[in-house]
Amino acid sequence: MKKSVLTLAAVLFALLMSAGAAAGQGRQTLSKFLESCNGSAQNCTMMTYNVIQAGKSSRYICVPRSITLEDAAAKQLDWLKQEVRDNPRFGNEDLEEAQWTAADKLWPCNKK
């Protein structure tokens, strides 16, 4: 039951993200998102936290138990910022795609 509730939460999160774009908010780039983090870091952390939670719930990513979701979100934001510094073209990526790219790189599940 718990697994299905978490999976449902992940699906609802994805739908909300898609609905926001469809409602005229348009595509948000990673650079625009990171610029907004300067004034509202809490919102940026919460959005990243939600991506990680959705990925964990659907078993797409595997954050080690020793790392809190808050710390994982902070690490993922740092990774995104560094990627934009190293490759400025990455900043033009769609925010949602960039978040999932970071999550996949930072928190892969070991497939045996």
N, C-alpha and C. Protein backbone atom coordinates (compact mmCIF):
# COMPACT_ATOMS: atom_id res chain seq x y z
N MET A 1 0.83 -1.19 0.00
CA MET A 1 0.00 0.00 0.00
C MET A 1 0.87 1.25 0.00
N LYS A 2 1.89 1.29 0.87
CA LYS A 2 2.77 2.45 0.95
C LYS A 2 3.46 2.70 -0.39
N LYS A 3 3.92 1.63 -1.03
CA LYS A 3 4.60 1.75 -2.31
C LYS A 3 3.68 2.37 -3.35
N SER A 4 2.42 1.93 -3.40
CA SER A 4 1.50 2.46 -4.40
C SER A 4 1.17 3.92 -4.12
N VAL A 5 1.10 4.32 -2.86
CA VAL A 5 0.84 5.72 -2.53
C VAL A 5 2.02 6.58 -2.97
N LEU A 6 3.23 6.11 -2.73
CA LEU A 6 4.41 6.87 -3.13
C LEU A 6 4.52 6.95 -4.64
N THR A 7 4.22 5.86 -5.32
CA THR A 7 4.25 5.88 -6.78
C THR A 7 3.20 6.84 -7.31
N LEU A 8 2.02 6.84 -6.72
CA LEU A 8 0.97 7.77 -7.11
C LEU A 8 1.43 9.21 -6.89
N ALA A 9 2.13 9.47 -5.80
CA ALA A 9 2.64 10.81 -5.53
C ALA A 9 3.63 11.23 -6.61
N ALA A 10 4.48 10.31 -7.05
CA ALA A 10 5.44 10.62 -8.10
C ALA A 10 4.74 10.94 -9.41
N VAL A 11 3.71 10.18 -9.73
CA VAL A 11 2.94 10.41 -10.96
C VAL A 11 2.23 11.76 -10.89
N LEU A 12 1.63 12.06 -9.75
CA LEU A 12 0.94 13.34 -9.59
C LEU A 12 1.91 14.50 -9.72
N PHE A 13 3.10 14.35 -9.17
CA PHE A 13 4.11 15.40 -9.30
C PHE A 13 4.46 15.64 -10.76
N ALA A 14 4.67 14.55 -11.50
CA ALA A 14 5.00 14.67 -12.92
C ALA A 14 3.86 15.35 -13.69
N LEU A 15 2.63 15.00 -13.35
CA LEU A 15 1.48 15.62 -14.01
C LEU A 15 1.39 17.11 -13.70
N LEU A 16 1.65 17.47 -12.46
CA LEU A 16 1.62 18.88 -12.08
C LEU A 16 2.68 19.67 -12.83
N MET A 17 3.86 19.09 -12.98
CA MET A 17 4.93 19.75 -13.72
C MET A 17 4.51 19.95 -15.17
N SER A 18 3.90 18.94 -15.77
CA SER A 18 3.46 19.03 -17.15
C SER A 18 2.31 20.01 -17.30
N ALA A 19 1.39 20.00 -16.35
CA ALA A 19 0.24 20.89 -16.40
C ALA A 19 0.67 22.35 -16.31
N GLY A 20 1.70 22.63 -15.53
CA GLY A 20 2.20 23.99 -15.43
C GLY A 20 2.70 24.49 -16.77
N ALA A 21 3.41 23.65 -17.50
CA ALA A 21 3.90 24.05 -18.81
C ALA A 21 2.75 24.21 -19.79
N ALA A 22 1.76 23.34 -19.71
CA ALA A 22 0.63 23.41 -20.62
C ALA A 22 -0.26 24.61 -20.33
N ALA A 23 -0.26 25.10 -19.11
CA ALA A 23 -1.12 26.21 -18.73
C ALA A 23 -0.55 27.55 -19.16
N GLY A 24 0.50 27.55 -19.93
CA GLY A 24 1.03 28.79 -20.45
C GLY A 24 2.28 29.27 -19.74
N GLN A 25 2.73 28.56 -18.74
CA GLN A 25 3.95 28.96 -18.08
C GLN A 25 5.14 28.74 -19.00
N GLY A 26 4.97 27.89 -19.98
CA GLY A 26 6.02 27.64 -20.95
C GLY A 26 7.17 26.83 -20.36
N ARG A 27 8.15 26.69 -21.18
CA ARG A 27 9.33 25.90 -20.83
C ARG A 27 10.24 26.75 -19.96
N GLN A 28 10.65 26.20 -18.83
CA GLN A 28 11.60 26.89 -17.99
C GLN A 28 12.96 26.25 -18.18
N THR A 29 13.95 27.08 -18.42
CA THR A 29 15.29 26.54 -18.59
C THR A 29 15.97 26.41 -17.23
N LEU A 30 17.00 25.60 -17.22
CA LEU A 30 17.78 25.41 -16.00
C LEU A 30 18.39 26.74 -15.56
N SER A 31 18.91 27.52 -16.49
CA SER A 31 19.53 28.81 -16.13
C SER A 31 18.54 29.74 -15.45
N LYS A 32 17.32 29.82 -15.98
CA LYS A 32 16.31 30.69 -15.36
C LYS A 32 15.97 30.21 -13.95
N PHE A 33 15.88 28.90 -13.80
CA PHE A 33 15.60 28.32 -12.49
C PHE A 33 16.71 28.67 -11.51
N LEU A 34 17.97 28.49 -11.92
CA LEU A 34 19.09 28.76 -11.04
C LEU A 34 19.20 30.25 -10.70
N GLU A 35 18.85 31.12 -11.65
CA GLU A 35 18.83 32.56 -11.37
C GLU A 35 17.82 32.88 -10.28
N SER A 36 16.68 32.21 -10.32
CA SER A 36 15.64 32.45 -9.31
C SER A 36 16.07 31.93 -7.94
N CYS A 37 17.02 31.03 -7.91
CA CYS A 37 17.49 30.48 -6.63
C CYS A 37 18.23 31.52 -5.81
N ASN A 38 18.77 32.54 -6.44
CA ASN A 38 19.49 33.57 -5.71
C ASN A 38 18.57 34.30 -4.73
N GLY A 39 17.32 34.51 -5.12
CA GLY A 39 16.39 35.21 -4.25
C GLY A 39 15.53 34.29 -3.40
N SER A 40 15.37 33.05 -3.84
CA SER A 40 14.47 32.13 -3.15
C SER A 40 15.05 30.72 -3.12
N ALA A 41 16.11 30.56 -2.38
CA ALA A 41 16.78 29.26 -2.34
C ALA A 41 15.88 28.16 -1.78
N GLN A 42 14.98 28.51 -0.88
CA GLN A 42 14.10 27.51 -0.28
C GLN A 42 13.20 26.88 -1.34
N ASN A 43 12.65 27.69 -2.25
CA ASN A 43 11.80 27.15 -3.31
C ASN A 43 12.60 26.23 -4.23
N CYS A 44 13.84 26.59 -4.53
CA CYS A 44 14.68 25.77 -5.39
C CYS A 44 14.99 24.43 -4.73
N THR A 45 15.29 24.49 -3.45
CA THR A 45 15.57 23.26 -2.71
C THR A 45 14.33 22.38 -2.65
N MET A 46 13.16 22.98 -2.43
CA MET A 46 11.92 22.21 -2.34
C MET A 46 11.59 21.55 -3.67
N MET A 47 11.77 22.26 -4.77
CA MET A 47 11.49 21.68 -6.08
C MET A 47 12.42 20.50 -6.35
N THR A 48 13.68 20.67 -6.03
CA THR A 48 14.66 19.59 -6.22
C THR A 48 14.36 18.43 -5.29
N TYR A 49 13.99 18.74 -4.07
CA TYR A 49 13.59 17.72 -3.09
C TYR A 49 12.44 16.89 -3.66
N ASN A 50 11.45 17.55 -4.26
CA ASN A 50 10.30 16.85 -4.83
C ASN A 50 10.70 15.93 -5.99
N VAL A 51 11.63 16.37 -6.80
CA VAL A 51 12.12 15.52 -7.89
C VAL A 51 12.78 14.27 -7.32
N ILE A 52 13.61 14.46 -6.31
CA ILE A 52 14.31 13.33 -5.70
C ILE A 52 13.31 12.38 -5.04
N GLN A 53 12.35 12.95 -4.33
CA GLN A 53 11.34 12.11 -3.67
C GLN A 53 10.55 11.30 -4.71
N ALA A 54 10.16 11.94 -5.81
CA ALA A 54 9.43 11.23 -6.86
C ALA A 54 10.29 10.13 -7.48
N GLY A 55 11.56 10.42 -7.72
CA GLY A 55 12.46 9.42 -8.28
C GLY A 55 12.70 8.25 -7.35
N LYS A 56 12.82 8.56 -6.06
CA LYS A 56 12.99 7.49 -5.07
C LYS A 56 11.74 6.63 -4.98
N SER A 57 10.59 7.28 -4.95
CA SER A 57 9.32 6.56 -4.81
C SER A 57 9.07 5.61 -5.97
N SER A 58 9.48 6.04 -7.16
CA SER A 58 9.26 5.21 -8.34
C SER A 58 10.45 4.27 -8.59
N ARG A 59 11.43 4.32 -7.71
CA ARG A 59 12.63 3.49 -7.79
C ARG A 59 13.45 3.75 -9.05
N TYR A 60 13.36 4.99 -9.55
CA TYR A 60 14.16 5.41 -10.68
C TYR A 60 15.57 5.77 -10.22
N ILE A 61 15.65 6.32 -9.01
CA ILE A 61 16.94 6.67 -8.42
C ILE A 61 17.05 6.02 -7.04
N CYS A 62 18.29 5.92 -6.55
CA CYS A 62 18.53 5.30 -5.24
C CYS A 62 19.47 6.18 -4.43
N VAL A 63 18.89 6.99 -3.56
CA VAL A 63 19.68 7.83 -2.66
C VAL A 63 20.08 6.97 -1.46
N PRO A 64 21.36 6.93 -1.13
CA PRO A 64 21.78 6.13 0.03
C PRO A 64 21.03 6.54 1.29
N ARG A 65 20.75 5.59 2.13
CA ARG A 65 20.00 5.86 3.36
C ARG A 65 20.74 6.81 4.29
N SER A 66 22.05 6.88 4.15
CA SER A 66 22.85 7.75 5.02
C SER A 66 22.73 9.22 4.64
N ILE A 67 22.09 9.51 3.51
CA ILE A 67 21.94 10.89 3.04
C ILE A 67 20.48 11.30 3.17
N THR A 68 20.23 12.40 3.87
CA THR A 68 18.85 12.89 3.99
C THR A 68 18.41 13.46 2.64
N LEU A 69 17.11 13.52 2.44
CA LEU A 69 16.61 14.09 1.19
C LEU A 69 16.97 15.57 1.07
N GLU A 70 17.03 16.27 2.19
CA GLU A 70 17.44 17.68 2.17
C GLU A 70 18.89 17.81 1.69
N ASP A 71 19.76 16.94 2.20
CA ASP A 71 21.16 16.96 1.76
C ASP A 71 21.28 16.53 0.30
N ALA A 72 20.48 15.58 -0.11
CA ALA A 72 20.49 15.14 -1.50
C ALA A 72 20.06 16.29 -2.41
N ALA A 73 19.03 17.04 -2.01
CA ALA A 73 18.57 18.18 -2.81
C ALA A 73 19.66 19.24 -2.92
N ALA A 74 20.33 19.52 -1.81
CA ALA A 74 21.41 20.51 -1.83
C ALA A 74 22.54 20.06 -2.74
N LYS A 75 22.89 18.78 -2.66
CA LYS A 75 23.97 18.24 -3.51
C LYS A 75 23.56 18.30 -4.98
N GLN A 76 22.30 17.99 -5.26
CA GLN A 76 21.84 18.02 -6.65
C GLN A 76 21.85 19.46 -7.19
N LEU A 77 21.44 20.42 -6.38
CA LEU A 77 21.50 21.82 -6.81
C LEU A 77 22.93 22.25 -7.08
N ASP A 78 23.85 21.86 -6.21
CA ASP A 78 25.27 22.17 -6.42
C ASP A 78 25.77 21.55 -7.72
N TRP A 79 25.37 20.31 -7.99
CA TRP A 79 25.78 19.63 -9.22
C TRP A 79 25.27 20.38 -10.44
N LEU A 80 23.99 20.80 -10.39
CA LEU A 80 23.41 21.54 -11.52
C LEU A 80 24.15 22.85 -11.76
N LYS A 81 24.46 23.57 -10.69
CA LYS A 81 25.19 24.84 -10.82
C LYS A 81 26.57 24.61 -11.42
N GLN A 82 27.25 23.56 -10.97
CA GLN A 82 28.58 23.26 -11.49
C GLN A 82 28.52 22.87 -12.96
N GLU A 83 27.53 22.09 -13.33
CA GLU A 83 27.38 21.70 -14.74
C GLU A 83 27.19 22.92 -15.64
N VAL A 84 26.41 23.91 -15.18
CA VAL A 84 26.20 25.12 -15.97
C VAL A 84 27.50 25.91 -16.07
N ARG A 85 28.28 25.95 -14.98
CA ARG A 85 29.58 26.63 -15.04
C ARG A 85 30.52 25.93 -16.01
N ASP A 86 30.54 24.60 -15.97
CA ASP A 86 31.44 23.83 -16.84
C ASP A 86 30.97 23.79 -18.29
N ASN A 87 29.66 23.82 -18.49
CA ASN A 87 29.08 23.72 -19.82
C ASN A 87 27.88 24.67 -19.89
N PRO A 88 28.11 25.94 -20.21
CA PRO A 88 27.02 26.92 -20.21
C PRO A 88 25.83 26.53 -21.09
N ARG A 89 26.04 25.73 -22.12
CA ARG A 89 24.92 25.31 -22.98
C ARG A 89 23.94 24.42 -22.21
N PHE A 90 24.41 23.74 -21.16
CA PHE A 90 23.53 22.91 -20.35
C PHE A 90 22.46 23.77 -19.67
N GLY A 91 22.75 25.03 -19.45
CA GLY A 91 21.79 25.94 -18.84
C GLY A 91 20.56 26.17 -19.70
N ASN A 92 20.65 25.90 -20.99
CA ASN A 92 19.51 26.05 -21.89
C ASN A 92 18.58 24.85 -21.90
N GLU A 93 18.96 23.81 -21.16
CA GLU A 93 18.13 22.60 -21.09
C GLU A 93 16.83 22.89 -20.35
N ASP A 94 15.83 22.14 -20.69
CA ASP A 94 14.56 22.19 -19.97
C ASP A 94 14.82 21.82 -18.51
N LEU A 95 14.23 22.58 -17.60
CA LEU A 95 14.47 22.37 -16.17
C LEU A 95 14.17 20.95 -15.73
N GLU A 96 13.03 20.44 -16.12
CA GLU A 96 12.64 19.10 -15.68
C GLU A 96 13.64 18.05 -16.19
N GLU A 97 14.03 18.16 -17.45
CA GLU A 97 15.00 17.21 -18.00
C GLU A 97 16.35 17.32 -17.30
N ALA A 98 16.76 18.56 -17.00
CA ALA A 98 18.03 18.76 -16.31
C ALA A 98 17.99 18.17 -14.90
N GLN A 99 16.87 18.35 -14.21
CA GLN A 99 16.74 17.77 -12.87
C GLN A 99 16.85 16.25 -12.92
N TRP A 100 16.18 15.62 -13.89
CA TRP A 100 16.23 14.16 -13.99
C TRP A 100 17.61 13.67 -14.43
N THR A 101 18.30 14.46 -15.27
CA THR A 101 19.67 14.11 -15.65
C THR A 101 20.57 14.09 -14.42
N ALA A 102 20.44 15.14 -13.60
CA ALA A 102 21.24 15.23 -12.38
C ALA A 102 20.93 14.07 -11.44
N ALA A 103 19.65 13.80 -11.23
CA ALA A 103 19.25 12.72 -10.34
C ALA A 103 19.81 11.39 -10.82
N ASP A 104 19.74 11.16 -12.11
CA ASP A 104 20.24 9.90 -12.67
C ASP A 104 21.75 9.77 -12.51
N LYS A 105 22.47 10.87 -12.66
CA LYS A 105 23.93 10.84 -12.51
C LYS A 105 24.36 10.69 -11.06
N LEU A 106 23.65 11.38 -10.17
CA LEU A 106 24.06 11.39 -8.76
C LEU A 106 23.57 10.19 -7.97
N TRP A 107 22.40 9.69 -8.32
CA TRP A 107 21.75 8.67 -7.49
C TRP A 107 21.34 7.41 -8.29
N PRO A 108 22.27 6.86 -9.07
CA PRO A 108 21.89 5.67 -9.86
C PRO A 108 21.63 4.46 -8.97
N CYS A 109 20.74 3.62 -9.42
CA CYS A 109 20.50 2.37 -8.71
C CYS A 109 21.45 1.32 -9.30
N ASN A 110 22.06 0.55 -8.44
CA ASN A 110 22.93 -0.53 -8.90
C ASN A 110 22.07 -1.66 -9.41
N LYS A 111 22.14 -1.91 -10.70
CA LYS A 111 21.37 -3.00 -11.31
C LYS A 111 22.24 -4.25 -11.31
N LYS A 112 21.75 -5.30 -10.68
CA LYS A 112 22.53 -6.55 -10.63
C LYS A 112 21.85 -7.62 -11.43
